Amino acid sequence: DAIAFKGWYKNRVLHILLVFLMTSFGASIGNVVVFPLLLRMIL
């Protein structure tokens, strides 16, 4: 199931893992983008 993307979507455990990984990745990108802007505003 883990080899094909369709398998990730059909398998509940892999689907939950995929959602967790994508949200974590998005949050990390958001932190990297916003953190320097916040530092400029504070300092």
N, C-alpha and C. Protein backbone atom coordinates (compact mmCIF):
# COMPACT_ATOMS: atom_id res chain seq x y z
N ASP A 1 0.81 -1.21 0.00
CA ASP A 1 0.00 0.00 0.00
C ASP A 1 0.85 1.27 0.00
N ALA A 2 1.99 1.23 0.63
CA ALA A 2 2.81 2.43 0.78
C ALA A 2 3.55 2.81 -0.48
N ILE A 3 3.60 1.93 -1.46
CA ILE A 3 4.36 2.22 -2.68
C ILE A 3 3.62 3.20 -3.57
N ALA A 4 2.33 3.01 -3.76
CA ALA A 4 1.55 3.87 -4.65
C ALA A 4 0.79 4.90 -3.82
N PHE A 5 0.59 6.09 -4.41
CA PHE A 5 -0.14 7.16 -3.71
C PHE A 5 -1.58 6.74 -3.43
N LYS A 6 -2.18 5.99 -4.34
CA LYS A 6 -3.55 5.53 -4.14
C LYS A 6 -3.65 4.63 -2.90
N GLY A 7 -2.62 3.85 -2.66
CA GLY A 7 -2.59 3.01 -1.48
C GLY A 7 -2.53 3.82 -0.20
N TRP A 8 -1.78 4.92 -0.21
CA TRP A 8 -1.71 5.81 0.96
C TRP A 8 -3.08 6.39 1.24
N TYR A 9 -3.82 6.70 0.20
CA TYR A 9 -5.12 7.33 0.38
C TYR A 9 -6.16 6.32 0.87
N LYS A 10 -6.07 5.07 0.45
CA LYS A 10 -7.06 4.05 0.83
C LYS A 10 -6.82 3.50 2.23
N ASN A 11 -5.58 3.32 2.61
CA ASN A 11 -5.25 2.75 3.91
C ASN A 11 -5.42 3.83 4.98
N ARG A 12 -6.24 3.56 6.01
CA ARG A 12 -6.54 4.59 7.01
C ARG A 12 -5.31 5.01 7.81
N VAL A 13 -4.49 4.06 8.20
CA VAL A 13 -3.31 4.39 9.00
C VAL A 13 -2.33 5.22 8.18
N LEU A 14 -2.08 4.81 6.95
CA LEU A 14 -1.18 5.57 6.09
C LEU A 14 -1.77 6.93 5.74
N HIS A 15 -3.09 7.00 5.62
CA HIS A 15 -3.74 8.28 5.32
C HIS A 15 -3.55 9.26 6.48
N ILE A 16 -3.72 8.77 7.71
CA ILE A 16 -3.51 9.62 8.88
C ILE A 16 -2.06 10.08 8.94
N LEU A 17 -1.14 9.16 8.66
CA LEU A 17 0.28 9.51 8.64
C LEU A 17 0.58 10.56 7.58
N LEU A 18 -0.02 10.41 6.41
CA LEU A 18 0.17 11.37 5.32
C LEU A 18 -0.35 12.75 5.72
N VAL A 19 -1.53 12.81 6.33
CA VAL A 19 -2.08 14.09 6.77
C VAL A 19 -1.17 14.72 7.82
N PHE A 20 -0.69 13.92 8.76
CA PHE A 20 0.21 14.43 9.80
C PHE A 20 1.49 14.99 9.20
N LEU A 21 2.08 14.25 8.27
CA LEU A 21 3.34 14.69 7.66
C LEU A 21 3.15 15.96 6.84
N MET A 22 2.06 16.05 6.09
CA MET A 22 1.83 17.23 5.26
C MET A 22 1.55 18.47 6.12
N THR A 23 0.77 18.32 7.20
CA THR A 23 0.52 19.47 8.06
C THR A 23 1.78 19.90 8.80
N SER A 24 2.59 18.95 9.22
CA SER A 24 3.86 19.29 9.88
C SER A 24 4.79 20.00 8.91
N PHE A 25 4.85 19.52 7.68
CA PHE A 25 5.70 20.14 6.67
C PHE A 25 5.22 21.56 6.37
N GLY A 26 3.92 21.76 6.26
CA GLY A 26 3.37 23.09 6.01
C GLY A 26 3.64 24.04 7.17
N ALA A 27 3.50 23.55 8.39
CA ALA A 27 3.77 24.38 9.56
C ALA A 27 5.25 24.76 9.63
N SER A 28 6.12 23.84 9.27
CA SER A 28 7.56 24.14 9.28
C SER A 28 7.89 25.22 8.26
N ILE A 29 7.32 25.12 7.08
CA ILE A 29 7.55 26.14 6.06
C ILE A 29 7.02 27.49 6.54
N GLY A 30 5.85 27.49 7.16
CA GLY A 30 5.29 28.73 7.69
C GLY A 30 6.19 29.36 8.74
N ASN A 31 6.74 28.55 9.62
CA ASN A 31 7.64 29.08 10.65
C ASN A 31 8.91 29.66 10.05
N VAL A 32 9.47 29.00 9.06
CA VAL A 32 10.69 29.49 8.42
C VAL A 32 10.43 30.81 7.70
N VAL A 33 9.26 30.97 7.12
CA VAL A 33 8.94 32.19 6.39
C VAL A 33 8.62 33.34 7.33
N VAL A 34 7.85 33.07 8.39
CA VAL A 34 7.35 34.14 9.25
C VAL A 34 8.35 34.56 10.32
N PHE A 35 9.18 33.65 10.80
CA PHE A 35 10.09 33.96 11.91
C PHE A 35 11.00 35.15 11.62
N PRO A 36 11.65 35.24 10.45
CA PRO A 36 12.47 36.43 10.18
C PRO A 36 11.64 37.72 10.14
N LEU A 37 10.42 37.63 9.65
CA LEU A 37 9.57 38.83 9.61
C LEU A 37 9.22 39.29 11.02
N LEU A 38 8.94 38.35 11.91
CA LEU A 38 8.65 38.72 13.29
C LEU A 38 9.87 39.32 13.98
N LEU A 39 11.04 38.78 13.70
CA LEU A 39 12.25 39.34 14.30
C LEU A 39 12.48 40.79 13.84
N ARG A 40 12.21 41.07 12.57
CA ARG A 40 12.36 42.44 12.08
C ARG A 40 11.37 43.38 12.75
N MET A 41 10.16 42.90 13.00
CA MET A 41 9.15 43.74 13.64
C MET A 41 9.50 44.02 15.10
N ILE A 42 10.05 43.02 15.79
CA ILE A 42 10.38 43.17 17.20
C ILE A 42 11.63 44.01 17.38
N LEU A 43 12.65 43.76 16.56
CA LEU A 43 13.92 44.47 16.71
C LEU A 43 13.97 45.66 15.84
